[in-house]
């Protein structure tokens, strides 16, 4: 099965934030945010291709990723305190 590997996703995140040394929770939150971005694009493609069920599941994955990223973004919670 072809697809984006976790290594590729991690490399993309590292390029976006090279100065950042983060905890595992921050890494997971960042990865979830990245997944949310990717599933947004994929859901759009699925919708245009008239694949409604696939678009639905991709949007479901996007929402789950966004919730996880928001709830586990320790940088955000540190700013609120």
C-alpha atoms as a PDB file:
ATOM      1  CA  UNK A   1       0.000   0.000   0.000  1.00  0.00           C
ATOM      2  CA  UNK A   2       1.527   3.286  -1.104  1.00  0.00           C
ATOM      3  CA  UNK A   3       1.256   6.345   1.088  1.00  0.00           C
ATOM      4  CA  UNK A   4       3.021   8.979   3.064  1.00  0.00           C
ATOM      5  CA  UNK A   5       5.262   7.448   5.666  1.00  0.00           C
ATOM      6  CA  UNK A   6       5.508   8.728   9.195  1.00  0.00           C
ATOM      7  CA  UNK A   7       9.137   9.536   8.470  1.00  0.00           C
ATOM      8  CA  UNK A   8       8.087  11.811   5.618  1.00  0.00           C
ATOM      9  CA  UNK A   9       5.531  13.539   7.846  1.00  0.00           C
ATOM     10  CA  UNK A  10       8.122  13.993  10.588  1.00  0.00           C
ATOM     11  CA  UNK A  11      10.594  15.413   8.092  1.00  0.00           C
ATOM     12  CA  UNK A  12       7.996  17.887   6.887  1.00  0.00           C
ATOM     13  CA  UNK A  13       7.286  18.992  10.454  1.00  0.00           C
ATOM     14  CA  UNK A  14      11.006  19.340  11.158  1.00  0.00           C
ATOM     15  CA  UNK A  15      11.415  21.591   8.118  1.00  0.00           C
ATOM     16  CA  UNK A  16       8.518  23.765   9.273  1.00  0.00           C
ATOM     17  CA  UNK A  17       9.925  24.152  12.803  1.00  0.00           C
ATOM     18  CA  UNK A  18      13.699  23.479  12.749  1.00  0.00           C
ATOM     19  CA  UNK A  19      14.407  25.430  15.937  1.00  0.00           C
ATOM     20  CA  UNK A  20      11.825  23.591  17.991  1.00  0.00           C
ATOM     21  CA  UNK A  21      12.837  20.861  20.434  1.00  0.00           C
ATOM     22  CA  UNK A  22       9.575  19.456  21.708  1.00  0.00           C
ATOM     23  CA  UNK A  23       8.161  16.853  24.030  1.00  0.00           C
ATOM     24  CA  UNK A  24       6.438  13.702  22.730  1.00  0.00           C
ATOM     25  CA  UNK A  25       3.030  15.289  23.432  1.00  0.00           C
ATOM     26  CA  UNK A  26       3.927  18.369  21.394  1.00  0.00           C
ATOM     27  CA  UNK A  27       5.224  16.120  18.618  1.00  0.00           C
ATOM     28  CA  UNK A  28       1.942  14.186  18.610  1.00  0.00           C
ATOM     29  CA  UNK A  29      -0.059  17.426  18.603  1.00  0.00           C
ATOM     30  CA  UNK A  30       2.025  18.763  15.717  1.00  0.00           C
ATOM     31  CA  UNK A  31       1.614  15.522  13.812  1.00  0.00           C
ATOM     32  CA  UNK A  32      -2.149  15.622  14.425  1.00  0.00           C
ATOM     33  CA  UNK A  33      -2.251  19.191  13.064  1.00  0.00           C
ATOM     34  CA  UNK A  34      -0.323  18.053   9.999  1.00  0.00           C
ATOM     35  CA  UNK A  35      -2.724  15.133   9.503  1.00  0.00           C
ATOM     36  CA  UNK A  36      -5.644  17.566   9.758  1.00  0.00           C
ATOM     37  CA  UNK A  37      -4.127  19.673   6.971  1.00  0.00           C
ATOM     38  CA  UNK A  38      -3.518  16.652   4.743  1.00  0.00           C
ATOM     39  CA  UNK A  39      -6.964  15.139   5.286  1.00  0.00           C
ATOM     40  CA  UNK A  40      -8.547  18.501   4.449  1.00  0.00           C
ATOM     41  CA  UNK A  41      -6.857  18.416   1.060  1.00  0.00           C
ATOM     42  CA  UNK A  42      -7.660  14.737   0.501  1.00  0.00           C
ATOM     43  CA  UNK A  43     -11.323  15.213   1.454  1.00  0.00           C
ATOM     44  CA  UNK A  44     -11.544  18.023  -1.085  1.00  0.00           C
ATOM     45  CA  UNK A  45     -10.119  15.773  -3.776  1.00  0.00           C
ATOM     46  CA  UNK A  46     -12.514  12.985  -2.840  1.00  0.00           C
ATOM     47  CA  UNK A  47     -15.450  15.371  -2.988  1.00  0.00           C
ATOM     48  CA  UNK A  48     -14.467  16.636  -6.440  1.00  0.00           C
ATOM     49  CA  UNK A  49     -14.098  13.031  -7.623  1.00  0.00           C
ATOM     50  CA  UNK A  50     -17.640  12.275  -6.396  1.00  0.00           C
ATOM     51  CA  UNK A  51     -16.501   9.886  -3.702  1.00  0.00           C
ATOM     52  CA  UNK A  52     -18.818  11.055  -0.911  1.00  0.00           C
ATOM     53  CA  UNK A  53     -18.197   8.238   1.544  1.00  0.00           C
ATOM     54  CA  UNK A  54     -14.436   8.643   1.276  1.00  0.00           C
ATOM     55  CA  UNK A  55     -14.793  12.419   1.690  1.00  0.00           C
ATOM     56  CA  UNK A  56     -16.955  11.811   4.772  1.00  0.00           C
ATOM     57  CA  UNK A  57     -14.383   9.546   6.423  1.00  0.00           C
ATOM     58  CA  UNK A  58     -11.514  11.884   5.568  1.00  0.00           C
ATOM     59  CA  UNK A  59     -13.443  14.777   7.125  1.00  0.00           C
ATOM     60  CA  UNK A  60     -14.106  12.625  10.176  1.00  0.00           C
ATOM     61  CA  UNK A  61     -10.359  11.971  10.462  1.00  0.00           C
ATOM     62  CA  UNK A  62      -9.696  15.705  10.026  1.00  0.00           C
ATOM     63  CA  UNK A  63     -12.012  16.619  12.895  1.00  0.00           C
ATOM     64  CA  UNK A  64     -10.479  13.981  15.167  1.00  0.00           C
ATOM     65  CA  UNK A  65      -6.981  15.244  14.338  1.00  0.00           C
ATOM     66  CA  UNK A  66      -7.998  18.862  14.971  1.00  0.00           C
ATOM     67  CA  UNK A  67      -9.517  17.982  18.336  1.00  0.00           C
ATOM     68  CA  UNK A  68      -6.415  16.061  19.381  1.00  0.00           C
ATOM     69  CA  UNK A  69      -4.090  18.842  18.228  1.00  0.00           C
ATOM     70  CA  UNK A  70      -6.107  21.511  20.043  1.00  0.00           C
ATOM     71  CA  UNK A  71      -6.427  19.540  23.282  1.00  0.00           C
ATOM     72  CA  UNK A  72      -2.750  18.544  23.369  1.00  0.00           C
ATOM     73  CA  UNK A  73      -1.032  21.703  22.174  1.00  0.00           C
ATOM     74  CA  UNK A  74       0.976  22.490  25.294  1.00  0.00           C
ATOM     75  CA  UNK A  75       2.257  25.746  23.817  1.00  0.00           C
ATOM     76  CA  UNK A  76      -1.332  27.001  23.603  1.00  0.00           C
ATOM     77  CA  UNK A  77      -2.143  25.971  27.173  1.00  0.00           C
ATOM     78  CA  UNK A  78       1.028  27.613  28.470  1.00  0.00           C
ATOM     79  CA  UNK A  79      -0.029  30.920  26.896  1.00  0.00           C
ATOM     80  CA  UNK A  80      -3.474  30.741  28.524  1.00  0.00           C
ATOM     81  CA  UNK A  81      -2.004  30.441  32.040  1.00  0.00           C
END
